[in-house]
Protein backbone atom coordinates (compact mmCIF):
# COMPACT_ATOMS: atom_id res chain seq x y z
CA MET A 1 43.24 69.45 74.60
CA LYS A 2 42.27 72.39 76.39
CA ALA A 3 42.55 70.98 80.19
CA ILE A 4 46.53 70.72 79.27
CA ILE A 5 46.86 74.46 78.37
CA THR A 6 44.79 75.26 81.23
CA THR A 7 47.16 73.38 83.01
CA ILE A 8 50.26 74.96 81.43
CA ALA A 9 48.77 78.16 82.03
CA LEU A 10 47.89 76.89 85.17
CA ILE A 11 52.01 76.26 86.25
CA PHE A 12 53.22 79.38 84.14
CA ILE A 13 50.96 81.76 87.23
CA SER A 14 52.01 79.58 89.71
CA VAL A 15 55.80 79.78 88.56
CA SER A 16 55.50 83.56 87.69
CA MET A 17 54.40 83.91 91.27
CA ALA A 18 56.55 82.14 93.01
CA ALA A 19 59.51 84.12 90.94
CA ALA A 20 58.21 87.05 92.28
CA ALA A 21 57.53 86.19 95.92
CA GLY A 22 61.23 85.53 95.68
CA SER A 23 63.31 88.14 93.92
CA PRO A 24 64.73 91.43 96.14
CA SER A 25 63.50 93.71 96.31
CA VAL A 26 64.18 96.96 93.93
CA LYS A 27 65.96 99.76 94.08
CA PRO A 28 65.18 102.89 93.58
CA SER A 29 65.58 104.35 90.82
CA VAL A 30 66.60 108.57 89.59
CA SER A 31 62.97 108.49 88.29
CA ASN A 32 61.41 107.81 91.37
CA ALA A 33 63.24 110.56 92.80
CA ALA A 34 61.24 112.63 90.36
CA GLN A 35 58.16 110.82 91.17
CA TYR A 36 58.50 111.68 95.06
CA TYR A 37 60.08 115.83 93.85
CA ASN A 38 56.65 116.66 92.00
CA ALA A 39 54.45 115.45 94.18
CA GLY A 40 56.34 117.30 97.43
CA VAL A 41 55.43 120.62 94.19
CA ASP A 42 51.92 119.60 94.91
CA LEU A 43 52.18 119.91 98.44
CA MET A 44 54.30 122.04 99.21
CA LEU A 45 52.33 124.71 96.68
CA ALA A 46 49.44 123.16 99.15
CA LYS A 47 51.39 125.09 101.80
CA GLN A 48 51.27 121.42 103.20
CA PHE A 49 54.85 122.45 103.89
CA THR A 50 56.01 119.38 106.86
CA ASP A 51 54.27 116.55 104.31
CA ALA A 52 56.06 118.83 101.11
CA GLU A 53 59.43 118.53 102.80
CA LYS A 54 58.99 114.12 103.70
CA GLN A 55 58.71 114.09 100.02
CA PHE A 56 61.31 115.99 98.86
CA ARG A 57 63.53 114.20 101.66
CA LYS A 58 62.17 110.68 99.62
CA ALA A 59 63.29 112.27 96.58
CA LEU A 60 67.09 112.63 97.47
CA GLU A 61 67.54 109.91 99.16
CA ARG A 62 67.07 108.27 95.67
CA ASN A 63 69.19 111.23 94.43
CA GLU A 64 71.33 112.95 96.47
CA ARG A 65 72.17 114.83 93.78
CA PHE A 66 69.11 116.84 93.04
CA ALA A 67 69.62 120.59 93.09
CA GLU A 68 66.20 121.15 92.90
CA ALA A 69 65.01 119.24 96.05
CA HIS A 70 67.88 120.59 97.72
CA ASN A 71 66.28 124.11 96.94
CA ASN A 72 62.40 123.12 97.71
CA LEU A 73 62.99 120.72 100.74
CA ALA A 74 65.36 124.41 102.62
CA TYR A 75 61.92 126.16 101.22
CA THR A 76 59.63 123.56 102.90
CA LEU A 77 62.86 123.93 106.44
CA ARG A 78 62.48 127.71 106.60
CA LYS A 79 58.39 127.84 106.07
CA GLN A 80 58.15 125.58 109.14
CA GLY A 81 59.91 128.15 111.71
CA PRO A 82 63.69 128.91 112.88
CA ASP A 83 63.99 125.52 114.19
CA ASP A 84 64.64 124.50 110.97
CA TYR A 85 66.91 127.54 109.73
CA ALA A 86 70.20 126.12 109.80
CA GLU A 87 69.36 122.94 107.89
CA ALA A 88 67.50 125.30 105.36
CA LEU A 89 70.08 126.85 105.00
CA GLU A 90 72.74 123.29 103.91
CA HIS A 91 70.34 122.22 101.87
CA TYR A 92 70.71 126.01 100.07
CA ASN A 93 74.27 125.96 99.87
CA ARG A 94 73.52 122.44 98.32
CA ALA A 95 71.96 123.02 95.91
CA ILE A 96 74.11 125.53 94.71
CA GLU A 97 77.23 123.66 94.80
CA LEU A 98 75.12 121.26 92.50
CA LYS A 99 73.93 124.22 90.21
CA PRO A 100 75.52 127.15 90.99
CA ASN A 101 73.93 128.93 88.26
CA MET A 102 70.30 128.38 88.73
CA ALA A 103 68.50 131.33 90.73
CA GLU A 104 66.29 129.82 92.94
CA PRO A 105 68.09 129.55 95.65
CA TYR A 106 70.16 132.19 95.26
CA MET A 107 66.79 133.77 95.70
CA TYR A 108 65.31 132.61 98.82
CA ARG A 109 69.39 131.70 100.65
CA GLY A 110 68.57 135.46 100.63
CA VAL A 111 65.06 135.67 102.53
CA LEU A 112 66.77 133.39 104.28
CA HIS A 113 69.79 135.69 105.81
CA ILE A 114 66.92 138.36 105.96
CA GLN A 115 65.60 135.59 108.48
CA MET A 116 68.57 135.09 110.11
CA GLY A 117 69.44 139.29 110.67
CA LYS A 118 72.39 139.14 108.23
CA PRO A 119 71.27 141.40 105.67
CA PHE A 120 74.79 141.57 104.34
CA LEU A 121 74.54 137.78 103.12
CA ALA A 122 71.36 138.85 101.07
CA GLN A 123 72.57 141.61 99.84
CA GLU A 124 75.88 139.62 98.03
CA ASP A 125 72.84 136.43 97.34
CA HIS A 126 71.06 139.78 95.64
CA ASN A 127 74.51 140.58 93.31
CA LYS A 128 74.99 136.61 92.17
CA LEU A 129 71.47 137.37 90.83
CA VAL A 130 72.02 140.57 89.07
CA ALA A 131 74.55 139.01 87.79
CA MET A 132 72.95 136.49 86.43
CA ASN A 133 70.56 138.68 85.38
CA SER A 134 68.02 136.96 86.72
CA PRO A 135 64.34 138.41 87.81
CA LEU A 136 64.30 136.76 90.91
CA ALA A 137 66.84 139.81 91.64
CA ALA A 138 63.63 142.50 92.20
CA GLU A 139 62.09 140.30 94.18
CA LEU A 140 64.82 139.43 96.55
CA GLN A 141 65.74 143.84 96.67
CA TYR A 142 61.13 143.50 97.72
CA VAL A 143 62.67 142.02 100.66
CA ILE A 144 65.95 142.81 101.60
CA GLU A 145 63.93 147.00 101.14
CA ASN A 146 60.71 145.17 103.44
CA GLY A 147 62.39 143.15 106.08
CA ARG A 148 59.46 140.84 104.56
CA GLU A 149 58.36 138.61 101.69
CA LYS A 150 55.41 139.14 99.84
CA GLU A 151 51.86 138.18 100.18
CA PRO A 152 50.11 136.83 99.45
CA GLU A 153 53.01 134.18 99.22
CA GLN A 154 54.12 134.12 95.78
CA PHE A 155 57.05 130.81 95.66
CA PHE A 156 59.11 132.67 93.33
CA GLY A 157 61.92 131.07 94.34
CA VAL A 158 61.37 127.35 94.14
CA THR A 159 61.81 124.71 91.46
CA ARG A 160 58.83 123.74 89.48
CA LYS A 161 58.31 119.53 88.21
CA MET A 162 60.26 117.84 86.87
């Protein structure tokens, strides 16, 4: 009897393994997007911007409508320097398009406008933050007045883990 049970168990295991080996790959789920996003947040807060960028891009591959991932991807791009400013602006704009009442992308898009020499556009983002009654308005005002962000880095306008 023991031999029959062992044989049946071995057949079951073999069939299960064969089925798994031949199964098509499963399309990533939205929850996978959050996992990549959260990994990106950790890397971003550790100022590992290139690695964080990769994680946010993976999150967006799984869910293009993930406004927070667009915002944080824009942040990591901006932190990598002027060569990435145009793409950063696109992602801030996309985040705002997806969630127009999310304050964070207005904050750092305003910072980006200062860095790009467009203070009048930064002021428009500041006005929007004031209208939203967001505490980020004061932080953007600091950047407009001083031409730079506070040091050490504060991560005021990034969105945290999901």
